[in-house]
Amino acid sequence: MQDLMEAVAEHELSVVLSSHLVSDVERTCDYVIVLVDSHVCALFSYSYRQVVCSAE
């Protein structure tokens, strides 16, 4: 899976990845959206190492 994700990243495409494995997400993703009951709860940027936005 890692090779596929890297190939997609080279073409600057977006991919939806659903995972509970934080290590895979950290290694693969630039941004993470956290969903709770189908609603966006938070957006985190690994590039900036900060929460970009969060719902209250």
Protein backbone atom coordinates (compact mmCIF):
# COMPACT_ATOMS: atom_id res chain seq x y z
CA MET A 1 0.00 0.00 0.00
CA GLN A 2 2.84 2.41 0.79
CA ASP A 3 4.19 2.22 -2.78
CA LEU A 4 0.76 3.00 -4.21
CA MET A 5 0.29 5.98 -1.89
CA GLU A 6 3.72 7.38 -2.81
CA ALA A 7 2.94 7.00 -6.53
CA VAL A 8 -0.34 8.86 -6.06
CA ALA A 9 1.40 11.61 -4.07
CA GLU A 10 3.85 12.21 -6.93
CA HIS A 11 0.87 13.20 -9.08
CA GLU A 12 -0.55 15.51 -6.38
CA LEU A 13 -3.83 13.64 -6.16
CA SER A 14 -6.05 13.29 -3.11
CA VAL A 15 -6.90 9.93 -1.59
CA VAL A 16 -9.32 9.04 1.17
CA LEU A 17 -7.69 6.62 3.60
CA SER A 18 -9.66 5.12 6.44
CA SER A 19 -7.45 3.71 9.16
CA HIS A 20 -7.14 3.25 12.89
CA LEU A 21 -3.39 2.68 12.58
CA VAL A 22 -1.86 6.02 13.51
CA SER A 23 1.61 4.95 12.37
CA ASP A 24 0.35 4.35 8.81
CA VAL A 25 -1.49 7.67 8.80
CA GLU A 26 1.55 9.60 10.07
CA ARG A 27 3.81 8.00 7.47
CA THR A 28 1.40 8.44 4.56
CA CYS A 29 -0.75 11.54 5.02
CA ASP A 30 -0.18 15.30 4.85
CA TYR A 31 -3.57 16.13 6.36
CA VAL A 32 -5.94 14.18 8.60
CA ILE A 33 -9.64 14.82 9.03
CA VAL A 34 -11.23 13.37 12.13
CA LEU A 35 -14.88 12.33 11.76
CA VAL A 36 -17.30 11.74 14.62
CA ASP A 37 -20.78 10.54 13.73
CA SER A 38 -20.15 11.52 10.08
CA HIS A 39 -19.24 15.12 11.00
CA VAL A 40 -15.83 16.73 10.64
CA CYS A 41 -14.48 17.15 14.14
CA ALA A 42 -10.93 18.31 13.36
CA LEU A 43 -8.41 18.86 10.57
CA PHE A 44 -4.75 18.24 11.38
CA SER A 45 -1.76 19.12 9.21
CA TYR A 46 1.31 16.89 9.57
CA SER A 47 3.28 19.41 7.49
CA TYR A 48 2.68 22.16 10.05
CA ARG A 49 2.28 19.81 13.05
CA GLN A 50 -0.82 21.62 14.24
CA VAL A 51 -4.59 21.48 14.27
CA VAL A 52 -5.80 23.60 11.34
CA CYS A 53 -9.40 23.76 12.53
CA SER A 54 -11.71 22.02 14.94
CA ALA A 55 -15.43 21.90 15.58
CA GLU A 56 -16.82 22.63 18.98
